[in-house]
């Protein structure tokens, strides 16, 4: 049952880091913080340090940072000065504090990827030809199984993903391949052909291909601190783009709505990754952290993205938004969020029951 501990640590760590972003941004700007809580609901344990109460609360599905003067009509807040009140600050100060939570989720993912790369190297599929499709351009050009692709059109190929991306993004009619065949360097000119393929979302797309299949061999590249940091940033950006695309495809109904998961699915996934090892668990944690950051940036009232929308409109209009309108939007946002959570939990239950 050690995966339960992993679940608590992963979920608690993600919540802590998100709320830490809000907290640090507020304190750096001199805004008072009343409460820093892991979890919602009744207080289980905690302590006071300075003007802030740090607490662990009963319901572990989130957390919050309570700022001094979050309500505009409040001129005083438990001894905090006017300068320390959140709503007395200009909108851009408030936007920094709100955005810091999601940003810290991306920072956490980047740190995890960076740590993995520094300690284990950057891993990926080797650009080694494992199979040639019949009558393919590569076969006709003379490529053989076992060839290691070194470069395409002068672009250095390190992993198979580099190879696929270079071919797909190329606008040339003919691609110059440089390969290593048993220690001998050979060059080939290959004219790709356009084929209809299925992408990861099941859509039919047209892409240039040369007709080679990866061998499936893995490859690890050791990196120093700086190069590892850059590679981790690139990996964070790649995962972010993938998740954003998935959200768009879900809205377009390309990705089925029953793929939405809630806490049960997350717990099951953490259990699976925990059984595979620490490396897989850390990678999954980074993936979930990016998901959490993007989710909170959605322009839905009660989420950070909704607050950013309100403060942006206040900046544009140069006056506070109507409080009744904000309250109504917040209630609608809360209803939408609760409905989405209920739907996700329903999917979790159906998925769990069908798997038995």
Protein backbone atom coordinates (compact mmCIF):
# COMPACT_ATOMS: atom_id res chain seq x y z
CA UNK A 1 0.00 0.00 0.00
CA UNK A 2 3.01 2.31 -0.35
CA UNK A 3 1.32 3.88 -3.39
CA UNK A 4 -1.13 5.57 -0.97
CA UNK A 5 1.83 7.40 0.58
CA UNK A 6 2.99 8.30 -2.94
CA UNK A 7 -0.49 9.61 -3.76
CA UNK A 8 -0.52 11.82 -0.64
CA UNK A 9 3.01 13.08 -1.28
CA UNK A 10 2.37 13.82 -4.98
CA UNK A 11 -0.98 15.52 -4.42
CA UNK A 12 0.25 17.40 -1.37
CA UNK A 13 3.41 18.48 -3.17
CA UNK A 14 1.48 19.82 -6.17
CA UNK A 15 -0.93 21.75 -3.94
CA UNK A 16 1.88 23.09 -1.75
CA UNK A 17 3.92 24.33 -4.70
CA UNK A 18 0.90 26.00 -6.32
CA UNK A 19 -0.07 27.83 -3.14
CA UNK A 20 3.57 28.65 -2.46
CA UNK A 21 3.58 30.64 -5.70
CA UNK A 22 0.66 32.77 -4.53
CA UNK A 23 2.22 33.16 -1.08
CA UNK A 24 5.70 34.20 -2.23
CA UNK A 25 4.37 36.63 -4.82
CA UNK A 26 2.13 38.27 -2.21
CA UNK A 27 4.93 38.58 0.34
CA UNK A 28 7.40 39.93 -2.25
CA UNK A 29 4.88 42.66 -3.07
CA UNK A 30 4.24 43.37 0.60
CA UNK A 31 0.67 42.05 0.62
CA UNK A 32 -0.49 40.55 3.91
CA UNK A 33 -1.22 36.81 4.09
CA UNK A 34 -3.74 35.67 6.71
CA UNK A 35 -3.77 31.92 6.02
CA UNK A 36 -1.70 29.36 4.12
CA UNK A 37 -3.68 26.10 4.02
CA UNK A 38 -3.09 22.68 2.55
CA UNK A 39 -6.59 21.32 2.08
CA UNK A 40 -10.04 22.81 2.60
CA UNK A 41 -12.54 22.70 5.43
CA UNK A 42 -11.91 22.33 9.16
CA UNK A 43 -8.40 22.87 10.48
CA UNK A 44 -6.61 19.70 11.61
CA UNK A 45 -3.30 21.18 12.71
CA UNK A 46 -1.26 24.31 12.27
CA UNK A 47 0.70 27.14 13.79
CA UNK A 48 1.06 30.92 13.59
CA UNK A 49 4.21 32.56 12.31
CA UNK A 50 4.11 36.31 12.14
CA UNK A 51 0.70 37.45 10.89
CA UNK A 52 0.07 34.20 8.97
CA UNK A 53 -1.66 31.04 10.14
CA UNK A 54 -0.20 27.93 8.49
CA UNK A 55 -2.59 25.00 8.62
CA UNK A 56 -3.42 21.51 7.44
CA UNK A 57 -7.14 21.17 6.69
CA UNK A 58 -9.44 18.16 6.51
CA UNK A 59 -10.34 17.92 2.80
CA UNK A 60 -7.11 17.23 0.86
CA UNK A 61 -8.40 18.09 -2.64
CA UNK A 62 -6.76 21.50 -2.88
CA UNK A 63 -5.54 24.37 -0.76
CA UNK A 64 -5.68 28.13 -0.49
CA UNK A 65 -3.86 31.29 0.51
CA UNK A 66 -6.10 33.83 2.23
CA UNK A 67 -4.88 37.39 1.62
CA UNK A 68 -5.55 40.46 3.70
CA UNK A 69 -8.25 42.68 2.21
CA UNK A 70 -9.48 40.37 -0.55
CA UNK A 71 -12.86 42.11 -0.36
CA UNK A 72 -12.78 45.60 -1.85
CA UNK A 73 -15.06 47.22 0.72
CA UNK A 74 -12.77 46.21 3.62
CA UNK A 75 -10.52 49.05 4.75
CA UNK A 76 -8.93 47.10 7.59
CA UNK A 77 -8.15 43.45 8.06
CA UNK A 78 -7.01 42.05 11.42
CA UNK A 79 -4.35 44.64 12.01
CA UNK A 80 -2.96 44.75 8.46
CA UNK A 81 -2.23 48.21 7.15
CA UNK A 82 -3.93 49.75 4.13
CA UNK A 83 -0.77 49.15 2.11
CA UNK A 84 -0.91 45.41 2.85
CA UNK A 85 -4.49 44.92 1.61
CA UNK A 86 -4.82 42.95 -1.63
CA UNK A 87 -7.65 44.95 -3.22
CA UNK A 88 -5.96 48.27 -2.46
CA UNK A 89 -3.15 47.28 -4.82
CA UNK A 90 -3.14 48.10 -8.56
CA UNK A 91 -4.53 45.38 -10.86
CA UNK A 92 -1.10 44.36 -12.13
CA UNK A 93 0.04 43.56 -8.57
CA UNK A 94 -3.03 41.39 -8.08
CA UNK A 95 -2.45 39.70 -11.45
CA UNK A 96 1.12 38.79 -10.44
CA UNK A 97 -0.09 37.19 -7.21
CA UNK A 98 -2.85 35.23 -8.97
CA UNK A 99 -0.67 34.10 -11.88
CA UNK A 100 2.17 32.99 -9.59
CA UNK A 101 0.31 29.81 -8.55
CA UNK A 102 -0.03 28.31 -12.05
CA UNK A 103 3.43 29.57 -12.98
CA UNK A 104 4.89 27.67 -10.04
CA UNK A 105 3.22 24.50 -11.38
CA UNK A 106 5.16 24.91 -14.62
CA UNK A 107 8.32 25.69 -12.65
CA UNK A 108 7.84 22.51 -10.61
CA UNK A 109 7.48 20.43 -13.79
CA UNK A 110 10.61 22.04 -15.19
CA UNK A 111 12.56 21.32 -11.99
CA UNK A 112 11.45 17.68 -12.03
CA UNK A 113 12.43 17.22 -15.68
CA UNK A 114 15.73 18.99 -15.02
CA UNK A 115 16.51 16.74 -12.06
CA UNK A 116 15.69 13.63 -14.09
CA UNK A 117 17.89 14.75 -16.99
CA UNK A 118 20.83 15.68 -14.74
CA UNK A 119 20.71 12.42 -12.80
CA UNK A 120 19.73 9.99 -15.56
CA UNK A 121 20.49 11.81 -18.81
CA UNK A 122 17.96 12.64 -21.52
CA UNK A 123 16.32 9.48 -22.80
CA UNK A 124 14.51 8.80 -26.04
CA UNK A 125 14.16 6.44 -28.98
CA UNK A 126 17.39 5.99 -30.92
CA UNK A 127 17.24 7.12 -34.58
CA UNK A 128 17.97 3.59 -35.75
CA UNK A 129 16.07 2.04 -38.65
CA UNK A 130 14.28 -1.09 -37.48
CA UNK A 131 12.05 -1.74 -40.48
CA UNK A 132 11.53 -0.51 -44.04
CA UNK A 133 8.09 -0.36 -45.61
CA UNK A 134 7.74 -2.13 -48.98
CA UNK A 135 8.38 0.09 -52.01
CA UNK A 136 9.12 3.03 -49.70
CA UNK A 137 11.32 5.97 -50.75
CA UNK A 138 13.94 5.00 -48.15
CA UNK A 139 14.12 1.41 -49.43
CA UNK A 140 14.48 2.57 -53.01
CA UNK A 141 17.21 5.02 -52.02
CA UNK A 142 19.29 2.29 -50.37
CA UNK A 143 18.58 2.73 -46.65
CA UNK A 144 18.99 -0.54 -44.74
CA UNK A 145 17.74 -1.94 -41.43
CA UNK A 146 20.24 -1.04 -38.70
CA UNK A 147 21.29 2.28 -40.23
CA UNK A 148 21.72 5.02 -37.62
CA UNK A 149 20.53 8.39 -38.95
CA UNK A 150 23.02 11.15 -38.06
CA UNK A 151 21.53 14.13 -39.91
CA UNK A 152 18.78 15.15 -42.35
CA UNK A 153 19.23 18.28 -44.48
CA UNK A 154 22.10 19.26 -42.22
CA UNK A 155 19.97 19.05 -39.05
CA UNK A 156 21.62 16.89 -36.39
CA UNK A 157 19.47 13.92 -35.37
CA UNK A 158 19.80 12.80 -31.76
CA UNK A 159 16.51 11.00 -31.10
CA UNK A 160 13.85 9.47 -33.32
CA UNK A 161 11.55 12.39 -32.50
CA UNK A 162 14.10 14.72 -34.14
CA UNK A 163 14.01 12.55 -37.25
CA UNK A 164 10.22 12.51 -37.49
CA UNK A 165 9.90 16.25 -36.84
CA UNK A 166 12.58 17.14 -39.41
CA UNK A 167 10.87 15.07 -42.11
CA UNK A 168 7.40 16.43 -41.31
CA UNK A 169 8.55 20.07 -41.22
CA UNK A 170 10.68 19.89 -44.34
CA UNK A 171 9.52 21.77 -47.43
CA UNK A 172 12.12 20.20 -49.72
CA UNK A 173 11.24 17.72 -52.44
CA UNK A 174 14.39 15.72 -51.66
CA UNK A 175 15.96 15.11 -48.25
CA UNK A 176 19.68 14.51 -47.77
CA UNK A 177 20.24 11.75 -45.19
CA UNK A 178 23.59 11.00 -43.53
CA UNK A 179 23.66 7.60 -41.80
CA UNK A 180 26.12 5.45 -39.90
CA UNK A 181 26.19 1.88 -41.24
CA UNK A 182 28.46 -0.34 -39.18
CA UNK A 183 30.90 2.54 -38.62
CA UNK A 184 30.83 3.73 -42.23
CA UNK A 185 29.26 7.11 -43.06
CA UNK A 186 26.91 7.00 -46.04
CA UNK A 187 24.79 9.68 -47.72
CA UNK A 188 21.43 9.25 -49.45
CA UNK A 189 18.95 11.53 -51.20
CA UNK A 190 15.39 10.50 -50.46
CA UNK A 191 12.24 11.95 -51.98
CA UNK A 192 9.46 11.68 -49.37
CA UNK A 193 5.93 10.78 -50.33
CA UNK A 194 2.76 12.15 -48.74
CA UNK A 195 0.62 9.60 -46.92
CA UNK A 196 -2.52 9.69 -44.83
CA UNK A 197 -1.76 8.81 -41.21
CA UNK A 198 -3.58 8.73 -37.89
CA UNK A 199 -2.34 11.15 -35.24
CA UNK A 200 -2.52 10.52 -31.49
CA UNK A 201 -6.07 11.90 -31.44
CA UNK A 202 -7.26 9.47 -34.12
CA UNK A 203 -7.54 12.15 -36.80
CA UNK A 204 -6.51 11.45 -40.38
CA UNK A 205 -3.69 13.77 -41.44
CA UNK A 206 -1.43 14.03 -44.49
CA UNK A 207 2.29 13.98 -43.76
CA UNK A 208 5.49 13.46 -45.79
CA UNK A 209 7.10 10.11 -44.96
CA UNK A 210 10.09 8.12 -46.19
CA UNK A 211 8.88 4.69 -45.04
CA UNK A 212 11.15 3.84 -42.12
CA UNK A 213 10.16 2.48 -38.71
CA UNK A 214 12.12 2.88 -35.47
CA UNK A 215 13.97 -0.10 -34.08
CA UNK A 216 12.61 0.60 -30.60
CA UNK A 217 16.08 0.88 -29.08
CA UNK A 218 16.45 3.58 -26.42
CA UNK A 219 19.25 6.10 -26.19
CA UNK A 220 20.53 8.26 -23.32
CA UNK A 221 22.45 11.51 -23.66
CA UNK A 222 24.31 12.83 -20.61
CA UNK A 223 23.93 16.59 -20.09
CA UNK A 224 25.49 19.21 -17.84
CA UNK A 225 23.45 21.62 -15.74
CA UNK A 226 22.88 24.33 -18.35
CA UNK A 227 22.09 22.03 -21.26
CA UNK A 228 19.90 19.96 -18.94
CA UNK A 229 17.97 23.08 -17.94
CA UNK A 230 17.36 23.96 -21.59
CA UNK A 231 16.29 20.40 -22.41
CA UNK A 232 13.95 20.39 -19.39
CA UNK A 233 12.39 23.66 -20.55
CA UNK A 234 11.88 22.21 -24.02
CA UNK A 235 10.28 19.09 -22.54
CA UNK A 236 7.99 21.22 -20.35
CA UNK A 237 6.95 23.25 -23.40
CA UNK A 238 6.33 20.10 -25.46
CA UNK A 239 4.08 18.59 -22.78
CA UNK A 240 2.27 21.92 -22.35
CA UNK A 241 1.52 22.13 -26.07
CA UNK A 242 0.30 18.52 -26.10
CA UNK A 243 -2.08 19.13 -23.19
CA UNK A 244 -3.36 22.39 -24.76
CA UNK A 245 -4.00 20.56 -28.02
CA UNK A 246 -5.82 17.81 -26.12
CA UNK A 247 -8.08 20.39 -24.48
CA UNK A 248 -8.87 21.95 -27.86
CA UNK A 249 -9.58 18.51 -29.37
CA UNK A 250 -11.87 17.74 -26.44
CA UNK A 251 -13.86 20.93 -27.10
CA UNK A 252 -14.01 19.96 -30.78
CA UNK A 253 -15.29 16.51 -29.68
CA UNK A 254 -12.36 14.79 -31.38
CA UNK A 255 -11.31 13.45 -27.99
CA UNK A 256 -14.31 11.82 -26.23
CA UNK A 257 -15.57 13.47 -23.04
CA UNK A 258 -15.38 10.16 -21.17
CA UNK A 259 -11.61 10.51 -21.25
CA UNK A 260 -11.91 13.21 -18.57
CA UNK A 261 -10.75 11.80 -15.26
CA UNK A 262 -10.93 12.87 -11.64
CA UNK A 263 -9.21 11.98 -8.36
CA UNK A 264 -9.88 8.23 -8.73
CA UNK A 265 -8.16 8.11 -12.12
CA UNK A 266 -5.26 10.16 -10.77
CA UNK A 267 -4.91 7.81 -7.80
CA UNK A 268 -4.96 4.78 -10.11
CA UNK A 269 -2.36 6.37 -12.40
CA UNK A 270 -0.12 7.22 -9.44
CA UNK A 271 -0.41 3.62 -8.25
CA UNK A 272 0.63 2.32 -11.69
CA UNK A 273 3.57 4.72 -12.00
CA UNK A 274 4.65 4.04 -8.43
CA UNK A 275 4.85 0.32 -9.20
CA UNK A 276 7.06 1.06 -12.23
CA UNK A 277 9.57 3.06 -10.21
CA UNK A 278 10.52 6.48 -8.93
CA UNK A 279 11.52 7.83 -12.35
CA UNK A 280 8.11 7.11 -13.87
CA UNK A 281 6.35 8.55 -10.81
CA UNK A 282 8.34 11.78 -11.06
CA UNK A 283 7.61 12.12 -14.77
CA UNK A 284 3.90 11.63 -14.09
CA UNK A 285 4.05 14.21 -11.29
CA UNK A 286 5.52 16.74 -13.73
CA UNK A 287 2.77 15.93 -16.23
CA UNK A 288 0.04 16.43 -13.60
CA UNK A 289 1.68 19.67 -12.42
CA UNK A 290 1.45 21.10 -15.94
CA UNK A 291 -2.17 19.93 -16.13
CA UNK A 292 -2.91 21.71 -12.86
CA UNK A 293 -1.26 24.91 -14.05
CA UNK A 294 -3.23 24.94 -17.31
CA UNK A 295 -6.50 24.06 -15.57
CA UNK A 296 -6.10 27.00 -13.20
CA UNK A 297 -5.43 29.36 -16.11
CA UNK A 298 -8.78 28.61 -17.74
CA UNK A 299 -10.86 31.84 -17.74
CA UNK A 300 -13.47 30.44 -15.37
CA UNK A 301 -14.46 32.53 -12.32
CA UNK A 302 -13.26 30.94 -9.03
CA UNK A 303 -10.16 29.69 -10.88
CA UNK A 304 -6.99 31.78 -11.16
CA UNK A 305 -7.71 32.35 -14.84
CA UNK A 306 -11.09 33.87 -13.96
CA UNK A 307 -9.48 36.31 -11.54
CA UNK A 308 -6.90 37.22 -14.18
CA UNK A 309 -9.76 37.92 -16.59
CA UNK A 310 -11.49 40.20 -14.05
CA UNK A 311 -8.29 42.12 -13.29
CA UNK A 312 -7.46 42.44 -17.00
CA UNK A 313 -10.91 43.92 -17.67
CA UNK A 314 -10.42 46.28 -14.73
CA UNK A 315 -7.13 47.42 -16.27
CA UNK A 316 -8.74 47.99 -19.67
CA UNK A 317 -11.83 49.75 -18.30
CA UNK A 318 -9.76 51.65 -15.70
CA UNK A 319 -12.37 51.00 -13.03
CA UNK A 320 -13.44 48.06 -10.87
CA UNK A 321 -16.01 45.71 -12.38
CA UNK A 322 -19.56 45.70 -11.10
CA UNK A 323 -19.55 43.62 -7.92
CA UNK A 324 -22.97 42.05 -8.60
CA UNK A 325 -21.77 41.01 -12.05
CA UNK A 326 -18.61 39.51 -10.58
CA UNK A 327 -20.61 37.66 -7.92
CA UNK A 328 -23.01 36.24 -10.53
CA UNK A 329 -20.10 35.17 -12.76
CA UNK A 330 -18.37 33.56 -9.78
CA UNK A 331 -21.50 31.55 -8.91
CA UNK A 332 -21.78 30.36 -12.51
CA UNK A 333 -18.10 29.48 -12.57
CA UNK A 334 -18.42 27.53 -9.32
CA UNK A 335 -21.43 25.65 -10.70
CA UNK A 336 -19.51 24.83 -13.89
CA UNK A 337 -16.48 23.66 -11.94
CA UNK A 338 -18.54 21.50 -9.58
CA UNK A 339 -20.40 20.01 -12.56
CA UNK A 340 -17.10 19.22 -14.27
CA UNK A 341 -15.76 17.59 -11.09
CA UNK A 342 -18.94 15.53 -10.71
CA UNK A 343 -18.69 14.45 -14.36
CA UNK A 344 -15.03 13.48 -13.91
CA UNK A 345 -15.82 11.42 -10.80
CA UNK A 346 -18.74 9.77 -12.64
CA UNK A 347 -16.34 8.82 -15.45
CA UNK A 348 -13.91 7.46 -12.85
CA UNK A 349 -16.62 5.24 -11.31
CA UNK A 350 -17.84 3.97 -14.69
CA UNK A 351 -14.26 3.29 -15.82
CA UNK A 352 -13.46 1.46 -12.59
CA UNK A 353 -16.60 -0.69 -12.73
CA UNK A 354 -16.09 -1.59 -16.40
CA UNK A 355 -12.52 -2.70 -15.74
CA UNK A 356 -13.61 -5.27 -13.17
